[in-house]
N, C-alpha and C. Protein backbone atom coordinates (compact mmCIF):
# COMPACT_ATOMS: atom_id res chain seq x y z
N MET A 1 -21.82 1.40 13.29
CA MET A 1 -22.94 1.22 14.50
C MET A 1 -24.04 0.88 13.75
N LEU A 2 -24.75 -0.16 14.11
CA LEU A 2 -25.98 -0.66 13.66
C LEU A 2 -27.18 0.29 14.04
N THR A 3 -28.29 0.41 13.48
CA THR A 3 -29.48 1.18 14.02
C THR A 3 -30.36 0.14 14.98
N ARG A 4 -31.31 0.72 15.38
CA ARG A 4 -31.95 -0.29 16.31
C ARG A 4 -32.78 -1.31 15.55
N ALA A 5 -33.41 -0.71 13.97
CA ALA A 5 -34.08 -1.67 13.46
C ALA A 5 -33.16 -2.47 12.96
N THR A 6 -32.01 -2.31 12.65
CA THR A 6 -31.13 -3.45 11.92
C THR A 6 -30.66 -4.43 13.24
N THR A 7 -30.46 -3.90 14.28
CA THR A 7 -30.17 -4.60 15.28
C THR A 7 -31.04 -5.75 15.82
N ASN A 8 -32.51 -5.16 15.77
CA ASN A 8 -33.62 -6.26 16.22
C ASN A 8 -33.78 -7.33 14.75
N ALA A 9 -33.80 -6.90 13.74
CA ALA A 9 -33.69 -7.65 12.29
C ALA A 9 -32.75 -8.49 12.59
N VAL A 10 -31.38 -8.40 12.62
CA VAL A 10 -30.35 -9.30 13.10
C VAL A 10 -30.73 -10.22 14.03
N ALA A 11 -31.27 -10.10 15.22
CA ALA A 11 -31.38 -10.94 16.34
C ALA A 11 -32.84 -11.64 16.06
N HIS A 12 -33.40 -11.15 15.41
CA HIS A 12 -35.02 -11.84 14.91
C HIS A 12 -34.84 -12.93 13.96
N ARG A 13 -33.63 -12.57 12.93
CA ARG A 13 -33.34 -13.79 12.07
C ARG A 13 -32.68 -14.51 12.45
N ALA A 14 -31.53 -14.27 13.62
CA ALA A 14 -30.79 -15.55 14.22
C ALA A 14 -31.64 -16.50 15.08
N SER A 15 -32.79 -15.78 15.83
CA SER A 15 -33.59 -16.92 16.62
C SER A 15 -34.52 -17.69 15.49
N SER A 16 -34.95 -17.15 14.23
CA SER A 16 -35.62 -17.57 13.19
C SER A 16 -34.78 -18.91 12.77
N MET A 17 -33.35 -18.83 12.70
CA MET A 17 -32.52 -19.57 11.83
C MET A 17 -32.37 -20.70 12.99
N ARG A 18 -32.41 -20.37 14.47
CA ARG A 18 -32.32 -21.54 15.20
C ARG A 18 -33.61 -22.47 15.43
N ARG A 19 -34.69 -21.64 15.29
CA ARG A 19 -36.09 -22.54 15.34
C ARG A 19 -36.24 -23.18 14.03
N MET A 20 -35.45 -22.97 12.82
CA MET A 20 -35.77 -23.75 11.60
C MET A 20 -34.64 -24.97 11.93
N ARG A 21 -33.66 -24.61 12.03
CA ARG A 21 -32.62 -25.89 12.62
C ARG A 21 -32.96 -26.87 13.55
N ARG A 22 -33.91 -26.24 14.58
CA ARG A 22 -34.26 -27.22 15.51
C ARG A 22 -35.24 -28.28 15.15
N ARG A 23 -36.16 -27.43 14.08
CA ARG A 23 -37.51 -28.22 13.35
C ARG A 23 -36.81 -29.16 12.31
N ALA A 24 -35.71 -28.76 11.73
CA ALA A 24 -35.25 -29.88 10.54
C ALA A 24 -34.58 -31.03 11.05
N VAL A 25 -34.18 -31.06 12.49
CA VAL A 25 -33.52 -32.07 12.98
C VAL A 25 -34.35 -33.46 12.95
N ASN A 26 -33.30 -34.60 12.72
CA ASN A 26 -34.03 -35.79 12.71
C ASN A 26 -34.83 -36.13 13.88
N ALA A 27 -35.78 -36.85 13.77
CA ALA A 27 -36.96 -36.92 14.91
C ALA A 27 -36.33 -37.67 15.92
N THR A 28 -35.21 -38.75 15.82
CA THR A 28 -34.55 -39.58 16.97
C THR A 28 -33.48 -38.55 17.58
N ARG A 29 -33.46 -37.21 17.26
CA ARG A 29 -32.37 -36.47 17.79
C ARG A 29 -33.19 -35.19 18.24
N LEU A 30 -33.88 -35.14 19.40
CA LEU A 30 -34.89 -34.20 19.78
C LEU A 30 -33.58 -32.68 20.75
N TYR A 31 -34.14 -31.53 20.09
CA TYR A 31 -33.54 -30.37 20.75
C TYR A 31 -34.06 -30.13 22.03
N CYS A 32 -33.33 -29.24 22.73
CA CYS A 32 -34.01 -29.03 24.07
C CYS A 32 -35.17 -27.80 23.74
N ALA A 33 -36.08 -27.66 24.16
CA ALA A 33 -36.85 -26.52 23.99
C ALA A 33 -36.86 -25.20 24.54
N THR A 34 -35.75 -25.12 25.63
CA THR A 34 -35.75 -23.84 26.54
C THR A 34 -35.10 -22.86 25.78
N ASN A 35 -35.25 -21.61 26.08
CA ASN A 35 -34.46 -20.27 25.36
C ASN A 35 -33.22 -20.74 25.63
N GLY A 36 -32.53 -20.40 24.72
CA GLY A 36 -31.22 -20.47 24.82
C GLY A 36 -29.91 -21.68 24.92
N CYS A 37 -30.87 -22.93 25.39
CA CYS A 37 -30.30 -24.05 25.45
C CYS A 37 -30.12 -25.00 24.14
N THR A 38 -29.08 -24.99 23.79
CA THR A 38 -28.92 -25.65 22.01
C THR A 38 -28.65 -27.17 22.63
N SER A 39 -28.74 -27.45 23.32
CA SER A 39 -28.27 -29.12 23.69
C SER A 39 -29.55 -29.99 23.25
N PHE A 40 -29.08 -31.50 22.87
CA PHE A 40 -30.26 -32.47 22.81
C PHE A 40 -30.70 -33.08 23.75
N LEU A 41 -31.83 -33.46 23.84
CA LEU A 41 -32.23 -34.14 25.12
C LEU A 41 -32.07 -35.80 24.96
N VAL A 42 -31.88 -36.45 25.96
CA VAL A 42 -31.45 -37.71 26.44
C VAL A 42 -33.09 -38.39 26.35
N LEU A 43 -32.91 -39.35 25.66
CA LEU A 43 -34.24 -40.28 25.72
C LEU A 43 -34.41 -41.34 26.90
N ASP A 44 -35.21 -41.58 27.23
CA ASP A 44 -35.71 -42.42 28.32
C ASP A 44 -36.71 -43.45 27.82
N GLU A 45 -36.60 -44.25 27.01
CA GLU A 45 -37.58 -45.07 26.05
C GLU A 45 -38.66 -45.89 27.24
N LEU A 46 -37.92 -45.96 28.22
CA LEU A 46 -39.03 -47.00 28.91
C LEU A 46 -39.89 -46.17 29.70
N GLY A 47 -39.32 -45.12 30.63
CA GLY A 47 -40.08 -43.81 31.00
C GLY A 47 -41.10 -43.12 29.99
N GLY A 48 -40.71 -43.05 28.62
CA GLY A 48 -41.33 -42.45 27.76
C GLY A 48 -41.21 -40.58 27.97
N VAL A 49 -39.96 -40.40 28.68
CA VAL A 49 -39.55 -39.22 28.29
C VAL A 49 -38.23 -39.00 27.97
N ALA A 50 -37.93 -37.31 27.52
CA ALA A 50 -36.87 -36.90 27.33
C ALA A 50 -36.23 -35.76 28.07
N HIS A 51 -35.00 -35.76 28.59
CA HIS A 51 -34.83 -34.71 29.80
C HIS A 51 -33.17 -34.20 28.87
N CYS A 52 -33.14 -32.94 29.32
CA CYS A 52 -31.96 -32.22 29.00
C CYS A 52 -31.16 -31.96 30.30
N GLU A 53 -29.98 -32.74 29.86
CA GLU A 53 -28.57 -32.58 31.12
C GLU A 53 -28.53 -31.57 31.51
N ILE A 54 -28.27 -30.46 30.45
CA ILE A 54 -27.87 -29.05 31.17
C ILE A 54 -28.69 -28.16 31.54
N CYS A 55 -29.97 -28.23 31.72
CA CYS A 55 -30.92 -27.22 32.08
C CYS A 55 -32.13 -27.93 32.88
N GLY A 56 -32.15 -29.47 32.69
CA GLY A 56 -33.26 -29.87 33.47
C GLY A 56 -34.83 -30.08 32.98
N TYR A 57 -34.65 -29.37 31.64
CA TYR A 57 -35.93 -29.62 30.98
C TYR A 57 -36.33 -30.94 30.72
N THR A 58 -37.74 -31.37 30.95
CA THR A 58 -37.79 -32.72 30.63
C THR A 58 -39.28 -32.51 29.45
N ARG A 59 -39.15 -33.45 28.75
CA ARG A 59 -40.39 -33.66 27.80
C ARG A 59 -41.20 -34.87 27.66
N ARG A 60 -42.28 -35.08 27.48
CA ARG A 60 -43.04 -36.43 27.76
C ARG A 60 -43.12 -36.92 25.82
N LEU A 61 -42.96 -37.93 25.44
CA LEU A 61 -42.74 -38.42 24.21
C LEU A 61 -44.05 -38.95 23.92
N GLY A 62 -44.64 -39.10 22.92
CA GLY A 62 -45.49 -39.62 22.61
C GLY A 62 -47.15 -39.60 23.14
């Protein structure tokens, strides 16, 4: 059984690794920024926005 401190440390490390993975991805492949959603955003270059087909998050580009 893990102690509370160990459990928190493991959860924090996992979220940090996800954050690093999102930052390291190529600029043309944007990750969704919502908590828990790990899908890529779909780019709409004419409208200047990117959106997530899973959760509906929308992000303005440029």
